[in-house]
Amino acid sequence: MMLDKQAQTEIASYVGRLLRDSFGKGPQSIFVSINRPFVVLYLKHFLSPTEKILLHQDQIHSIQSTRDLLMKSLIPEIKAYLLVFAGMKIGEFYYDWGLHNHSGVMVGIESGDDDEPISLESDYTGKEELHREISTISQQVEKKPDEVHSFLINERNLVVIRNGILISIEKELIRIGHEESLRLAKRNLEKSHLHNNGHFQSFLNAKINDVFVDWDFHLDKSVIVFILNPGQ
């Protein structure tokens, strides 16, 4: 089910206000894509004046850490709004930032019957090749995923889900309280591999404007989002 344009505009407006109130400056634009059970929010031109100074000083870790802290309080509010306004009970929530592009993404996945597979998975150009490449990159960085699934939300949003990606040392780091450090390290490492890979555009026959990645360590699960510009 696709929510109408007015609903998408209302969601974008609400999240924009929420970010502006918390960060002092909101995104210039937010593009909302809903194809249940997924909602994807793509943020453009999102960088506060203070963050711009920190970015020029190469203080990326400081920006990411601060944003992670703020998002902990914002995610419950966004989930509550989506439940009331769109009737979407969001079980999983992921986000990531493209600081070099002043961009960001948020992904919500509705909670449902764990035994019921997501029916949205569809064929698209380059799907098998993309799955193989994602598995190869994952193996280089940590381990080959137990499962890879992908969902073309619309022509501009491709969501890839990996299950079973953590190795034993990572699970132990999480257990002893180093989850945030692990997240920052994996974010930098994986994104360098994803951004520097020239194969994805040829597989998908589309220009890739942005790539984002986030994890739910307790579910041993990761979400990758490709923002596409089809036909280029």
Protein backbone atom coordinates (compact mmCIF):
# COMPACT_ATOMS: atom_id res chain seq x y z
CA MET A 1 0.00 0.00 0.00
CA MET A 2 1.33 3.42 -0.97
CA LEU A 3 0.21 6.34 1.19
CA ASP A 4 -0.88 9.38 -0.81
CA LYS A 5 1.32 12.39 -1.53
CA GLN A 6 -0.41 14.53 1.10
CA ALA A 7 0.37 11.99 3.81
CA GLN A 8 4.00 11.77 2.70
CA THR A 9 4.22 15.58 2.80
CA GLU A 10 2.79 15.64 6.33
CA ILE A 11 5.31 13.03 7.53
CA ALA A 12 8.19 14.97 5.93
CA SER A 13 6.99 18.19 7.56
CA TYR A 14 6.73 16.61 11.01
CA VAL A 15 10.16 14.97 10.89
CA GLY A 16 11.68 18.18 9.52
CA ARG A 17 10.31 20.18 12.46
CA LEU A 18 11.51 17.53 14.91
CA LEU A 19 15.05 17.65 13.52
CA ARG A 20 15.07 21.44 13.40
CA ASP A 21 14.01 21.67 17.05
CA SER A 22 16.70 19.18 18.10
CA PHE A 23 19.61 20.13 15.85
CA GLY A 24 18.94 23.85 15.42
CA LYS A 25 18.66 23.35 11.66
CA GLY A 26 16.50 20.90 9.76
CA PRO A 27 17.01 19.35 6.33
CA GLN A 28 16.26 21.53 3.32
CA SER A 29 14.13 18.68 1.95
CA ILE A 30 12.87 15.25 3.02
CA PHE A 31 11.61 12.68 0.52
CA VAL A 32 9.26 10.10 2.03
CA SER A 33 8.71 6.74 0.32
CA ILE A 34 6.27 4.23 1.78
CA ASN A 35 5.74 0.73 0.49
CA ARG A 36 4.63 -1.35 3.43
CA PRO A 37 6.18 -2.67 5.57
CA PHE A 38 8.89 -0.08 4.78
CA VAL A 39 9.04 3.67 5.18
CA VAL A 40 12.17 5.42 3.87
CA LEU A 41 12.96 9.08 4.59
CA TYR A 42 15.78 10.59 2.52
CA LEU A 43 17.16 13.85 3.94
CA LYS A 44 19.03 16.39 1.81
CA HIS A 45 21.09 19.44 2.81
CA PHE A 46 21.16 18.54 6.49
CA LEU A 47 24.14 20.01 8.33
CA SER A 48 24.04 22.58 11.14
CA PRO A 49 26.48 25.54 11.23
CA THR A 50 28.32 23.95 14.17
CA GLU A 51 28.54 20.62 12.35
CA LYS A 52 29.88 22.38 9.27
CA ILE A 53 32.78 23.74 11.32
CA LEU A 54 33.44 20.32 12.85
CA LEU A 55 33.33 18.71 9.41
CA HIS A 56 35.94 21.18 8.11
CA GLN A 57 38.10 20.18 11.09
CA ASP A 58 37.60 16.50 10.19
CA GLN A 59 35.74 15.87 13.48
CA ILE A 60 33.38 13.34 11.89
CA HIS A 61 33.38 11.12 14.99
CA SER A 62 32.09 14.03 17.12
CA ILE A 63 29.25 14.74 14.70
CA GLN A 64 28.21 11.09 14.49
CA SER A 65 28.34 10.58 18.27
CA THR A 66 26.23 13.68 18.95
CA ARG A 67 23.67 12.71 16.32
CA ASP A 68 23.46 9.17 17.72
CA LEU A 69 22.65 10.58 21.16
CA LEU A 70 19.94 12.88 19.80
CA MET A 71 18.41 10.14 17.66
CA LYS A 72 17.89 7.95 20.72
CA SER A 73 15.29 10.44 21.94
CA LEU A 74 13.82 11.21 18.50
CA ILE A 75 13.20 7.65 17.28
CA PRO A 76 10.36 6.94 19.78
CA GLU A 77 8.67 10.21 18.73
CA ILE A 78 8.93 9.35 15.03
CA LYS A 79 7.59 5.84 15.67
CA ALA A 80 4.65 7.23 17.67
CA TYR A 81 3.81 9.72 14.91
CA LEU A 82 3.89 7.05 12.19
CA LEU A 83 1.59 4.84 14.28
CA VAL A 84 -1.00 7.58 14.84
CA PHE A 85 -0.78 9.29 11.46
CA ALA A 86 -0.06 6.41 9.07
CA GLY A 87 -1.18 3.39 11.08
CA MET A 88 2.32 1.93 10.81
CA LYS A 89 3.56 0.09 13.90
CA ILE A 90 7.31 0.40 13.40
CA GLY A 91 9.26 -2.44 15.00
CA GLU A 92 12.73 -1.75 13.59
CA PHE A 93 14.28 1.65 12.91
CA TYR A 94 17.57 2.37 11.16
CA TYR A 95 19.37 5.58 10.19
CA ASP A 96 22.63 6.79 8.71
CA TRP A 97 24.26 10.01 7.55
CA GLY A 98 26.13 10.95 4.40
CA LEU A 99 28.06 13.84 5.90
CA HIS A 100 30.08 14.42 2.72
CA ASN A 101 26.78 14.93 0.85
CA HIS A 102 25.00 16.64 3.79
CA SER A 103 22.40 13.88 3.47
CA GLY A 104 20.82 11.19 5.60
CA VAL A 105 18.33 8.36 5.62
CA MET A 106 15.86 6.85 8.07
CA VAL A 107 14.23 3.46 7.53
CA GLY A 108 11.32 2.08 9.50
CA ILE A 109 10.11 -1.51 9.17
CA GLU A 110 6.69 -2.45 10.47
CA SER A 111 6.54 -5.16 13.09
CA GLY A 112 4.58 -8.22 12.08
CA ASP A 113 4.49 -11.97 12.34
CA ASP A 114 8.10 -13.15 12.42
CA ASP A 115 7.09 -16.30 10.57
CA GLU A 116 5.47 -14.33 7.77
CA PRO A 117 8.01 -13.35 5.07
CA ILE A 118 7.94 -9.86 3.58
CA SER A 119 6.05 -10.15 0.31
CA LEU A 120 7.46 -6.98 -1.27
CA GLU A 121 10.64 -8.64 -2.56
CA SER A 122 10.57 -8.22 -6.32
CA ASP A 123 12.78 -8.87 -9.29
CA TYR A 124 14.75 -5.98 -10.69
CA THR A 125 17.72 -5.54 -12.99
CA GLY A 126 20.97 -6.75 -11.43
CA LYS A 127 19.46 -8.27 -8.29
CA GLU A 128 21.47 -11.50 -8.24
CA GLU A 129 24.72 -9.69 -9.06
CA LEU A 130 24.07 -7.13 -6.33
CA HIS A 131 23.41 -9.85 -3.74
CA ARG A 132 26.68 -11.56 -4.65
CA GLU A 133 28.63 -8.29 -4.43
CA ILE A 134 27.07 -7.42 -1.06
CA SER A 135 28.03 -10.88 0.24
CA THR A 136 31.59 -10.43 -1.02
CA ILE A 137 31.96 -7.03 0.66
CA SER A 138 30.49 -8.38 3.89
CA GLN A 139 32.96 -11.26 3.86
CA GLN A 140 35.88 -8.84 3.35
CA VAL A 141 34.78 -6.71 6.30
CA GLU A 142 33.39 -9.32 8.72
CA LYS A 143 31.70 -12.48 7.44
CA LYS A 144 29.42 -13.59 4.67
CA PRO A 145 25.78 -12.98 5.70
CA ASP A 146 23.57 -15.95 6.44
CA GLU A 147 20.87 -14.30 4.28
CA VAL A 148 20.59 -11.38 1.87
CA HIS A 149 17.23 -9.95 0.78
CA SER A 150 16.47 -6.80 -1.19
CA PHE A 151 13.39 -4.71 -1.83
CA LEU A 152 12.89 -2.07 -4.51
CA ILE A 153 10.67 0.40 -2.64
CA ASN A 154 10.34 2.55 -5.75
CA GLU A 155 12.60 3.50 -8.65
CA ARG A 156 14.77 5.64 -6.36
CA ASN A 157 15.00 3.56 -3.18
CA LEU A 158 16.54 0.10 -2.91
CA VAL A 159 16.71 -1.53 0.54
CA VAL A 160 19.06 -4.48 1.17
CA ILE A 161 18.73 -6.54 4.36
CA ARG A 162 21.49 -8.80 5.67
CA ASN A 163 20.86 -11.33 8.43
CA GLY A 164 23.59 -13.11 10.38
CA ILE A 165 26.60 -10.80 9.93
CA LEU A 166 28.30 -10.57 13.33
CA ILE A 167 31.43 -12.51 14.20
CA SER A 168 32.20 -13.74 17.72
CA ILE A 169 34.49 -10.86 18.71
CA GLU A 170 31.83 -8.33 17.67
CA LYS A 171 29.18 -10.10 19.74
CA GLU A 172 31.51 -10.00 22.73
CA LEU A 173 32.20 -6.26 22.25
CA ILE A 174 28.44 -5.66 22.28
CA ARG A 175 28.02 -7.81 25.40
CA ILE A 176 30.63 -5.80 27.36
CA GLY A 177 29.14 -2.44 26.38
CA HIS A 178 31.10 -1.27 23.32
CA GLU A 179 28.13 -1.17 20.96
CA GLU A 180 28.50 2.50 19.97
CA SER A 181 32.23 2.20 19.27
CA LEU A 182 31.57 -0.88 17.15
CA ARG A 183 28.83 0.95 15.24
CA LEU A 184 31.13 3.88 14.43
CA ALA A 185 33.96 1.58 13.33
CA LYS A 186 31.73 -0.61 11.15
CA ARG A 187 30.02 2.43 9.64
CA ASN A 188 33.35 3.85 8.47
CA LEU A 189 34.73 0.53 7.26
CA GLU A 190 31.67 -0.77 5.42
CA LYS A 191 30.80 2.54 3.81
CA SER A 192 34.31 2.90 2.41
CA HIS A 193 33.81 -0.45 0.66
CA LEU A 194 30.29 0.42 -0.51
CA HIS A 195 31.20 3.89 -1.80
CA ASN A 196 34.34 2.76 -3.59
CA ASN A 197 32.66 -0.10 -5.41
CA GLY A 198 32.14 0.64 -9.08
CA HIS A 199 30.04 -2.44 -9.82
CA PHE A 200 26.72 -1.42 -8.26
CA GLN A 201 25.87 1.23 -10.86
CA SER A 202 26.47 -1.17 -13.75
CA PHE A 203 24.45 -3.93 -12.03
CA LEU A 204 21.48 -1.64 -11.40
CA ASN A 205 21.76 0.40 -14.60
CA ALA A 206 21.30 3.53 -12.50
CA LYS A 207 23.47 6.24 -11.02
CA ILE A 208 23.84 5.84 -7.24
CA ASN A 209 23.45 9.19 -5.48
CA ASP A 210 23.96 7.90 -1.93
CA VAL A 211 24.61 4.70 0.02
CA PHE A 212 23.69 4.27 3.69
CA VAL A 213 24.16 1.42 6.16
CA ASP A 214 23.02 0.73 9.72
CA TRP A 215 22.72 -2.27 12.07
CA ASP A 216 20.52 -3.75 14.75
CA PHE A 217 23.19 -5.66 16.64
CA HIS A 218 20.71 -7.43 18.90
CA LEU A 219 18.91 -8.85 15.86
CA ASP A 220 22.26 -9.54 14.10
CA LYS A 221 20.83 -7.63 11.16
CA SER A 222 21.86 -4.80 8.84
CA VAL A 223 20.05 -2.51 6.41
CA ILE A 224 21.73 -0.92 3.39
CA VAL A 225 19.91 1.76 1.39
CA PHE A 226 20.85 2.75 -2.15
CA ILE A 227 19.45 6.09 -3.35
CA LEU A 228 19.19 5.71 -7.12
CA ASN A 229 18.91 8.07 -10.04
CA PRO A 230 17.43 5.78 -12.71
CA GLY A 231 18.35 6.21 -16.34
CA GLN A 232 21.70 7.86 -15.59
